Protein backbone atom coordinates (compact mmCIF):
# COMPACT_ATOMS: atom_id res chain seq x y z
CA MET A 1 -24.19 31.90 -11.10
CA THR A 2 -23.59 28.27 -12.05
CA LYS A 3 -22.49 26.10 -9.13
CA LEU A 4 -19.40 24.00 -9.86
CA ARG A 5 -19.16 20.90 -7.69
CA CYS A 6 -15.54 20.26 -6.71
CA ALA A 7 -14.20 16.86 -5.65
CA ILE A 8 -10.86 16.56 -3.85
CA TYR A 9 -8.68 13.55 -4.62
CA THR A 10 -5.75 12.69 -2.32
CA ARG A 11 -3.17 9.92 -2.49
CA LYS A 12 -0.03 8.73 -0.69
CA SER A 13 2.18 5.96 -2.08
CA SER A 14 3.26 4.45 1.26
CA ASP A 15 1.39 3.85 4.50
CA GLU A 16 3.98 5.83 6.48
CA GLY A 17 2.22 8.10 8.95
CA LEU A 18 -1.32 7.20 7.86
CA GLU A 19 -2.09 5.97 11.37
CA GLN A 20 -1.78 9.55 12.65
CA SER A 21 -4.96 11.53 13.37
CA PHE A 22 -3.77 14.24 10.92
CA ASN A 23 -1.74 12.72 8.12
CA SER A 24 -0.56 13.54 4.61
CA LEU A 25 -3.98 12.82 3.10
CA ASP A 26 -5.58 15.26 5.54
CA ALA A 27 -2.95 17.91 4.72
CA GLN A 28 -3.59 17.53 0.98
CA ARG A 29 -7.34 17.80 1.48
CA GLU A 30 -7.00 20.86 3.70
CA ALA A 31 -4.91 22.69 1.07
CA CYS A 32 -7.35 21.77 -1.71
CA ALA A 33 -10.37 22.78 0.37
CA ALA A 34 -8.78 26.17 1.05
CA TYR A 35 -8.23 26.65 -2.68
CA ILE A 36 -11.88 25.82 -3.40
CA VAL A 37 -12.99 28.38 -0.82
CA SER A 38 -10.80 30.98 -2.56
CA GLN A 39 -12.76 30.31 -5.78
CA LYS A 40 -16.18 30.75 -4.15
CA SER A 41 -16.84 33.84 -6.26
CA GLU A 42 -16.52 31.64 -9.35
CA GLY A 43 -19.25 29.33 -8.07
CA TRP A 44 -16.98 26.59 -6.73
CA ILE A 45 -18.49 24.46 -3.95
CA LEU A 46 -16.91 21.52 -2.12
CA ASN A 47 -18.26 18.03 -2.64
CA PRO A 48 -18.10 16.53 0.91
CA ALA A 49 -17.24 13.02 -0.31
CA TYR A 50 -13.76 11.73 0.56
CA TYR A 51 -11.65 10.27 -2.27
CA ASP A 52 -8.54 9.11 -0.37
CA ASP A 53 -6.11 6.41 -1.53
CA GLY A 54 -3.56 5.73 1.18
CA GLY A 55 -0.58 3.43 0.66
CA ILE A 56 -1.20 2.93 -3.08
CA SER A 57 1.13 3.89 -5.92
CA GLY A 58 0.11 6.41 -8.53
CA GLY A 59 1.39 4.05 -11.21
CA THR A 60 -1.83 2.04 -11.36
CA MET A 61 -5.50 2.77 -11.96
CA GLU A 62 -6.53 0.01 -9.53
CA ARG A 63 -7.22 2.37 -6.64
CA PRO A 64 -10.54 2.19 -4.78
CA ALA A 65 -11.01 5.92 -4.28
CA LEU A 66 -9.93 6.77 -7.83
CA GLN A 67 -12.38 4.25 -9.26
CA ARG A 68 -15.14 5.70 -7.09
CA LEU A 69 -14.20 9.21 -8.28
CA LEU A 70 -14.38 8.15 -11.94
CA ALA A 71 -17.72 6.44 -11.30
CA ASP A 72 -19.14 9.65 -9.76
CA ILE A 73 -17.81 11.64 -12.70
CA GLY A 74 -19.53 9.19 -15.02
CA THR A 75 -22.86 9.80 -13.30
CA GLY A 76 -22.49 13.59 -13.51
CA LYS A 77 -21.92 14.32 -9.83
CA ILE A 78 -18.68 16.30 -10.26
CA ASP A 79 -17.65 19.35 -12.30
CA ILE A 80 -14.07 19.94 -11.14
CA VAL A 81 -11.42 17.58 -9.71
CA VAL A 82 -8.94 19.28 -7.38
CA VAL A 83 -5.60 17.73 -6.36
CA TYR A 84 -2.62 18.97 -4.38
CA LYS A 85 -0.17 17.98 -7.15
CA VAL A 86 -0.64 16.44 -10.58
CA ASP A 87 1.22 13.27 -9.57
CA ARG A 88 -1.33 12.66 -6.80
CA LEU A 89 -3.79 11.78 -9.57
CA THR A 90 -1.37 9.52 -11.46
CA ARG A 91 2.30 8.95 -12.22
CA SER A 92 1.59 7.09 -15.46
CA LEU A 93 1.38 8.90 -18.78
CA ALA A 94 -0.92 6.26 -20.25
CA ASP A 95 -3.22 6.37 -17.23
CA PHE A 96 -3.21 10.17 -17.29
CA ALA A 97 -4.50 10.08 -20.86
CA ARG A 98 -7.33 7.72 -19.89
CA ILE A 99 -8.26 9.86 -16.90
CA VAL A 100 -8.28 13.09 -18.91
CA GLU A 101 -10.39 11.45 -21.61
CA ALA A 102 -12.88 10.44 -18.93
CA PHE A 103 -12.88 14.04 -17.65
CA ASP A 104 -13.37 15.48 -21.14
CA ALA A 105 -16.21 13.11 -21.91
CA LYS A 106 -18.19 14.59 -19.03
CA GLY A 107 -16.93 18.17 -19.30
CA VAL A 108 -14.99 17.89 -16.02
CA SER A 109 -12.06 20.23 -15.35
CA PHE A 110 -8.86 19.39 -13.49
CA VAL A 111 -6.93 21.65 -11.09
CA SER A 112 -3.59 21.23 -9.28
CA VAL A 113 -3.44 23.81 -6.50
CA THR A 114 0.37 23.85 -6.12
CA GLN A 115 1.40 23.71 -9.78
CA ALA A 116 -0.77 26.37 -11.46
CA PHE A 117 -2.31 23.66 -13.61
CA ASN A 118 -5.91 24.56 -14.24
CA THR A 119 -7.98 23.30 -17.16
CA THR A 120 -10.94 25.46 -16.15
CA THR A 121 -9.20 28.16 -18.21
CA SER A 122 -8.29 27.84 -21.87
CA MET A 123 -4.52 27.59 -21.48
CA GLY A 124 -3.99 27.45 -17.73
CA ARG A 125 -1.35 29.72 -16.23
CA LEU A 126 1.67 28.53 -18.16
CA ARG A 127 3.35 31.32 -20.14
CA THR A 128 6.63 31.15 -22.04
CA SER A 129 8.88 33.80 -23.50
CA PRO A 130 10.06 33.76 -27.16
CA SER A 131 13.26 32.06 -25.99
CA GLY A 132 11.24 29.23 -24.46
CA LYS A 133 12.02 30.15 -20.86
CA VAL A 134 9.15 29.59 -18.44
CA THR A 135 8.00 32.86 -16.90
CA GLY A 136 4.85 31.66 -15.18
CA GLY A 137 3.46 28.48 -13.78
CA VAL A 138 5.73 25.43 -13.76
CA PRO A 139 7.63 23.47 -16.46
CA PHE A 140 5.66 20.66 -18.04
CA GLY A 141 5.97 17.30 -16.35
CA ARG A 142 4.91 13.99 -17.86
CA GLY A 143 1.22 14.49 -17.10
CA PRO A 144 0.74 17.93 -18.66
CA LEU A 145 2.91 16.91 -21.62
CA PHE A 146 0.69 13.92 -22.24
CA ILE A 147 -2.37 16.17 -22.34
CA MET A 148 -0.67 18.25 -25.02
CA LEU A 149 0.18 15.17 -27.09
CA ARG A 150 -3.47 14.06 -26.98
CA ASN A 151 -4.98 17.50 -27.48
CA ARG A 152 -6.71 17.73 -30.86
CA ILE A 153 -6.85 21.50 -30.67
CA TYR A 154 -3.46 21.44 -32.44
CA ARG A 155 -5.21 19.64 -35.33
CA GLY A 156 -7.64 22.53 -35.70
CA GLU A 157 -10.43 20.72 -33.84
CA ILE A 158 -12.46 21.43 -30.70
CA ASN A 159 -13.52 18.73 -28.23
CA HIS A 160 -16.77 19.52 -26.44
CA LYS A 161 -18.05 16.85 -24.03
CA GLY A 162 -16.59 14.04 -26.10
CA THR A 163 -17.67 15.35 -29.53
CA LEU A 164 -15.14 16.80 -31.99
CA TYR A 165 -16.03 19.91 -34.02
CA PRO A 166 -14.02 21.80 -36.68
CA GLY A 167 -12.39 24.83 -35.12
CA LEU A 168 -12.07 28.35 -36.49
CA HIS A 169 -8.28 28.22 -36.00
CA GLU A 170 -5.71 26.64 -38.31
CA ALA A 171 -4.06 23.33 -37.46
CA ILE A 172 -0.40 23.60 -36.44
CA ILE A 173 0.31 19.83 -36.66
CA ASP A 174 -0.30 17.80 -39.82
CA ALA A 175 -2.63 14.80 -39.65
CA GLU A 176 0.08 12.18 -40.35
CA THR A 177 2.36 13.35 -37.51
CA PHE A 178 -0.52 13.61 -35.05
CA GLU A 179 -1.82 10.11 -35.83
CA ARG A 180 1.67 8.59 -35.54
CA VAL A 181 1.97 10.12 -32.06
CA GLN A 182 -1.44 8.74 -31.06
CA GLN A 183 -0.42 5.26 -32.22
CA LEU A 184 2.74 5.40 -30.11
CA LEU A 185 0.78 6.55 -27.06
CA ASP A 186 -1.81 3.79 -27.58
CA THR A 187 0.96 1.18 -27.89
CA ASN A 188 2.59 2.30 -24.66
CA SER A 189 -0.80 2.30 -22.95
CA HIS A 190 -1.46 -1.28 -24.08
CA ARG A 191 1.92 -2.48 -22.81
CA LYS A 192 1.37 -0.79 -19.47
CA GLY A 193 -2.06 -2.34 -19.16
CA LYS A 194 -0.73 -5.84 -19.81
CA ARG A 195 1.91 -5.46 -17.09
CA VAL A 196 -0.49 -4.53 -14.33
CA GLN A 197 -3.53 -6.55 -15.35
CA GLN A 198 -3.47 -9.31 -12.74
CA GLN A 199 -6.14 -11.07 -10.75
CA ASP A 200 -6.37 -9.71 -7.22
CA ASP A 201 -6.92 -13.14 -5.75
CA ASP A 202 -4.95 -12.57 -2.55
CA PRO A 203 -7.41 -13.31 0.27
CA SER A 204 -8.24 -11.14 3.25
CA PRO A 205 -8.59 -13.86 5.91
CA LEU A 206 -10.00 -11.52 8.58
CA MET A 207 -12.81 -10.19 6.38
CA GLY A 208 -15.93 -9.82 8.50
CA LEU A 209 -14.03 -10.37 11.76
CA LEU A 210 -12.46 -6.91 12.36
CA TYR A 211 -14.21 -4.03 14.17
CA ASP A 212 -13.15 -0.59 15.35
CA ASP A 213 -13.71 0.68 18.89
CA LYS A 214 -17.23 1.88 17.95
CA GLY A 215 -18.32 -1.53 16.71
CA ASN A 216 -18.07 -0.66 13.02
CA ARG A 217 -16.95 -3.59 10.90
CA LEU A 218 -13.78 -2.86 8.90
CA THR A 219 -13.82 -3.57 5.19
CA PRO A 220 -10.90 -5.03 3.19
CA VAL A 221 -9.64 -2.98 0.23
CA HIS A 222 -6.65 -3.39 -2.02
CA GLY A 223 -4.67 -1.89 -4.88
CA ARG A 224 -1.53 -2.59 -6.88
CA ASN A 225 1.45 -0.41 -7.72
CA ARG A 226 3.05 -0.16 -11.15
CA ARG A 227 5.10 -3.32 -10.53
CA GLY A 228 1.98 -5.28 -9.66
CA ARG A 229 2.71 -5.42 -5.93
CA LEU A 230 -0.46 -5.81 -3.91
CA TYR A 231 -1.28 -3.42 -1.04
CA ARG A 232 -4.12 -4.45 1.29
CA TYR A 233 -5.89 -2.58 4.08
CA TYR A 234 -8.86 -2.92 6.38
CA ILE A 235 -10.68 0.43 6.55
CA GLN A 236 -13.72 2.01 8.12
CA PRO A 237 -16.73 1.59 5.80
CA GLY A 238 -17.18 5.37 5.67
CA LEU A 239 -13.82 5.80 3.94
CA GLN A 240 -14.92 3.48 1.16
CA THR A 241 -18.01 5.55 0.44
CA GLY A 242 -16.25 8.90 0.86
CA GLN A 243 -17.90 9.87 4.14
CA GLN A 244 -16.01 11.95 6.67
CA PRO A 245 -14.89 9.91 9.73
CA ARG A 246 -17.02 10.67 12.77
CA ASP A 247 -14.25 10.11 15.33
CA SER A 248 -10.67 11.09 14.48
CA ASN A 249 -9.39 9.00 17.40
CA SER A 250 -10.71 5.73 15.98
CA ILE A 251 -8.53 3.58 13.75
CA ARG A 252 -9.51 4.60 10.21
CA ARG A 253 -7.33 2.12 8.32
CA VAL A 254 -4.82 -0.56 9.20
CA PRO A 255 -2.43 -2.36 6.83
CA ALA A 256 -3.83 -5.87 6.41
CA PRO A 257 -0.50 -7.71 6.89
CA VAL A 258 0.06 -5.92 10.23
CA ILE A 259 -3.19 -7.02 11.87
CA GLU A 260 -3.14 -10.42 10.18
CA ASP A 261 0.39 -11.13 11.42
CA LEU A 262 -0.60 -10.02 14.91
CA VAL A 263 -3.60 -12.37 15.06
CA ILE A 264 -1.99 -15.44 13.48
CA GLY A 265 1.23 -14.87 15.43
CA LYS A 266 -0.61 -14.67 18.76
CA LEU A 267 -2.57 -17.84 18.00
CA ARG A 268 0.63 -19.66 17.08
CA ASP A 269 2.10 -18.64 20.41
CA LEU A 270 -0.96 -19.54 22.50
CA MET A 271 -1.52 -22.90 20.84
CA VAL A 272 2.23 -23.66 20.57
CA LEU A 273 1.78 -24.34 16.86
CA PRO A 274 4.52 -22.40 14.98
CA ALA A 275 3.26 -23.60 11.59
CA LEU A 276 -0.44 -22.84 12.22
CA GLN A 277 -2.09 -21.51 9.04
CA TRP A 278 -5.34 -19.59 8.51
CA GLU A 279 -7.32 -22.74 7.69
CA GLY A 280 -6.75 -23.93 11.24
CA ALA A 281 -6.75 -20.50 12.87
CA LEU A 282 -10.05 -19.05 11.62
CA PRO A 283 -12.30 -21.45 13.60
CA LEU A 284 -10.59 -20.14 16.77
CA ILE A 285 -11.42 -16.48 16.02
CA HIS A 286 -14.79 -15.04 17.02
CA HIS A 287 -13.89 -11.43 16.21
CA VAL A 288 -11.17 -8.80 16.72
CA ASP A 289 -11.59 -5.23 18.03
CA ILE A 290 -9.00 -2.61 17.05
CA HIS A 291 -8.68 0.34 19.43
CA ALA A 292 -6.29 3.27 19.34
CA GLU A 293 -4.30 1.86 22.27
CA ALA A 294 -4.94 -1.88 22.08
CA VAL A 295 -6.15 -4.83 20.03
CA LEU A 296 -8.67 -7.22 21.59
CA LEU A 297 -8.78 -10.80 20.31
CA HIS A 298 -12.03 -12.66 21.08
CA LEU A 299 -11.01 -16.29 20.72
CA ARG A 300 -12.46 -19.78 21.09
CA LEU A 301 -9.60 -21.33 23.05
CA PRO A 302 -9.51 -24.70 24.86
CA VAL A 303 -11.26 -24.88 28.23
CA HIS A 304 -8.03 -25.73 30.00
CA ASN A 305 -5.82 -22.75 30.78
CA GLY A 306 -2.58 -24.12 29.36
CA TRP A 307 -2.50 -21.35 26.80
CA ARG A 308 -2.13 -18.73 29.56
CA GLN A 309 1.53 -19.56 30.11
CA HIS A 310 2.22 -18.47 26.54
CA LEU A 311 0.78 -14.96 26.91
CA GLY A 312 3.02 -12.01 26.22
CA PRO A 313 4.39 -9.97 29.15
CA SER A 314 1.87 -7.13 28.63
CA ASP A 315 -1.09 -9.27 27.48
CA ILE A 316 -4.29 -9.31 29.55
CA ALA A 317 -6.53 -12.41 29.34
CA GLN A 318 -10.13 -12.85 30.50
CA VAL A 319 -12.70 -15.58 29.87
CA GLY A 320 -16.31 -14.41 29.63
CA ASP A 321 -19.53 -16.18 30.50
CA ASP A 322 -19.89 -17.06 26.82
CA GLY A 323 -16.67 -19.05 27.03
CA LEU A 324 -14.73 -16.70 24.77
CA ALA A 325 -11.21 -15.80 25.80
CA VAL A 326 -10.51 -12.08 25.36
CA ILE A 327 -6.80 -11.35 24.88
CA THR A 328 -5.95 -7.65 25.18
CA ILE A 329 -2.71 -6.66 23.47
CA LYS A 330 -1.74 -3.13 24.40
CA GLY A 331 0.02 -0.99 21.85
CA ARG A 332 -0.25 1.67 19.17
CA LEU A 333 0.22 1.48 15.42
CA LYS A 334 3.50 3.18 14.60
CA LEU A 335 6.02 3.30 11.79
CA ARG A 336 9.26 1.46 12.51
CA GLY A 337 11.95 0.90 9.90
CA GLY A 338 9.65 1.89 7.04
CA ARG A 339 6.91 -0.53 8.13
CA THR A 340 3.78 -0.02 10.20
CA MET A 341 3.57 -2.29 13.24
CA LEU A 342 1.86 -2.50 16.60
CA VAL A 343 4.31 -1.34 19.27
CA THR A 344 3.62 -2.32 22.88
CA PRO A 345 4.26 -0.03 25.88
CA ALA A 346 7.58 -1.81 26.38
CA GLY A 347 8.58 -0.93 22.82
CA GLN A 348 8.33 -4.51 21.56
CA HIS A 349 6.56 -5.75 18.47
CA PRO A 350 4.25 -8.45 19.90
CA THR A 351 3.85 -10.52 16.77
CA ARG A 352 6.05 -12.95 14.98
CA PRO A 353 7.61 -11.16 12.00
CA ARG A 354 6.36 -11.48 8.49
CA GLN A 355 8.72 -12.92 5.92
CA ASP A 356 12.10 -11.32 6.56
CA ARG A 357 13.27 -10.42 3.05
CA ALA A 358 16.88 -9.88 4.10
CA LEU A 359 16.99 -13.23 5.90
CA ILE A 360 15.35 -15.08 2.99
CA ALA A 361 17.72 -13.47 0.49
CA ALA A 362 20.71 -14.42 2.65
CA LEU A 363 19.50 -18.02 2.93
CA LYS A 364 19.08 -18.29 -0.84
CA ARG A 365 22.50 -16.79 -1.42
CA ALA A 366 24.02 -19.23 1.06
CA HIS A 367 22.78 -22.18 -1.01
CA ALA A 368 23.89 -20.46 -4.23
CA GLU A 369 27.41 -19.88 -2.87
CA LEU A 370 27.74 -23.54 -1.86
CA ALA A 371 26.65 -24.65 -5.32
CA LYS A 372 28.99 -22.12 -6.93
CA HIS A 373 31.96 -23.53 -5.01
CA GLY A 374 30.92 -27.15 -5.44
CA ILE A 375 30.33 -27.81 -1.75
CA SER A 376 27.94 -30.56 -0.74
CA LEU A 377 25.53 -30.10 2.16
CA ARG A 378 26.55 -33.57 3.33
CA LYS A 379 29.92 -32.17 4.40
CA GLY A 380 30.46 -31.05 7.96
CA HIS A 381 30.95 -27.45 9.08
CA GLY A 382 34.71 -27.92 9.28
CA ASP A 383 35.00 -29.06 5.68
CA MET A 384 32.69 -26.28 4.59
CA MET A 385 34.60 -23.56 6.40
CA ASN A 386 37.90 -24.69 4.92
CA ALA A 387 36.58 -25.43 1.44
CA LYS A 388 38.79 -24.20 -1.34
CA GLY A 389 37.52 -21.11 -3.07
CA ILE A 390 35.66 -19.42 -0.18
CA SER A 391 38.17 -16.83 0.88
CA ASP A 392 35.76 -14.06 1.82
CA PRO A 393 35.06 -14.23 5.60
CA TYR A 394 31.57 -12.80 5.16
CA VAL A 395 30.67 -15.39 2.52
CA ARG A 396 31.97 -18.17 4.77
CA ARG A 397 29.71 -16.99 7.59
CA LEU A 398 26.81 -16.53 5.19
CA THR A 399 27.02 -20.07 3.80
CA MET A 400 26.50 -21.49 7.29
CA LEU A 401 22.84 -20.51 6.96
CA ALA A 402 22.44 -23.37 4.47
CA PHE A 403 23.32 -25.79 7.30
CA LEU A 404 20.36 -24.72 9.45
CA ALA A 405 17.84 -27.47 10.24
CA PRO A 406 15.27 -27.97 7.44
CA ASP A 407 12.42 -26.98 9.80
CA ILE A 408 14.22 -23.71 10.60
CA GLN A 409 14.78 -22.94 6.92
CA LYS A 410 11.11 -23.67 6.21
CA ALA A 411 10.10 -21.34 9.05
CA ILE A 412 12.25 -18.57 7.56
CA LEU A 413 10.76 -18.99 4.09
CA THR A 414 7.18 -18.96 5.42
CA GLY A 415 7.68 -16.08 7.87
CA CYS A 416 7.19 -18.30 10.95
CA GLN A 417 10.67 -17.79 12.41
CA PRO A 418 10.93 -16.65 16.07
CA ASN A 419 11.12 -12.96 16.96
CA THR A 420 14.65 -13.43 18.21
CA MET A 421 15.97 -14.65 14.85
CA ARG A 422 17.83 -11.87 13.05
CA LEU A 423 20.30 -12.11 10.17
CA ALA A 424 22.92 -10.00 11.94
CA ASP A 425 22.79 -12.29 15.00
CA LEU A 426 23.04 -15.45 12.90
CA LEU A 427 26.11 -14.09 11.10
CA ALA A 428 27.76 -12.88 14.29
CA ASN A 429 27.00 -16.05 16.29
CA PRO A 430 26.66 -19.08 13.99
CA PRO A 431 24.25 -21.73 15.33
CA VAL A 432 25.42 -25.06 16.69
CA CYS A 433 25.84 -27.94 14.26
CA ALA A 434 23.23 -30.40 15.56
CA TRP A 435 19.76 -29.81 14.17
CA ASP A 436 18.04 -30.83 17.40
CA ALA A 437 20.16 -28.34 19.31
CA GLN A 438 19.29 -25.63 16.78
CA LEU A 439 15.58 -26.30 17.14
CA HIS A 440 15.89 -26.11 20.92
CA GLN A 441 17.96 -22.92 20.68
CA PHE A 442 15.23 -21.14 18.68
CA GLY A 443 12.29 -22.69 20.51
CA LEU A 444 10.95 -24.61 17.49
């Protein structure tokens, strides 16, 4: 019996729940592995490599695990690709065509275990009645439909490992119609490619400085969704090569902005430098250890202990014989409000926030409303509040954001605002007029 090597591909669009020891990617893999076992009599065997893309949209091909999967297919290591659902492989019709072409070129089959989609058989399990009603399998989605539109079997041809041969059956689609469809699909594919083809030049400032609790250096990876938005992570090196994690309790991946905000935010607090950037921060960082219950910052801080008074309430600080200050920040990675963050035992997020989109949008709208109503920033709050044309109480409160001190507005736009600054609080309790008093109020 011929052995068929099966690779499991898993994907999740968001990073919600990925910090859990058993997450959505694990559940997908478990279901696919069970399906492979059920096909043991057909010669199916599981390829032990892990092809997991967590927190990356299916609308782009720029996914580390997917690219590794396609590379292994190209070198002949895989016979069947198994997914939980078709959309785990891709949500793009153009990308689906490219993926299927890569599969066909190497004689690789594709199976979705929950949708009765199986190209290891001639027509899968989809059956329709004369009326067109589906009586087996599932209705065609975008992916399966795209396969049909690209399938030259309807032109009376057979594709075997990338080579076309005349078939013994008659064509059911004329050549002109088929070629017009292919041109339309190619055009859409080209447009999609131009939208997402961008240089991934966003840096990973902590590259080479992050380690898990076993001393393994974490590696930066990234991908983009269909809108071009960049998603960055630091992951265990084993995940990048498809190896199974040795310890399920270790941190396997962490969203890059979460750990980066934690480190830069803590350094800004300790050094009392709210505008500190990575250029000035990196020389202070020796390395960072990420544990399941804490993050340890090994820092080159000044000999004097002035920075100790700026430690967080649950932080633990020690200075070793090597002169490095070790700051232990207790907490676990959890999902809060749709974002992953490090939550301390007291339930607080110990870092300064990243850019607050709602606050930035409100600040921009405040300036736009003033311009719309012809109000100059040189006017006082009293003139502004009573200006003709601003009758909406909410808009009046909102426009007061434009009268914040320039340093405060800059902090908001760069994500360096204090933890205590929230849009709802600013609208409910407008800040004092004097800029100096505002800066003192927010500790800037």
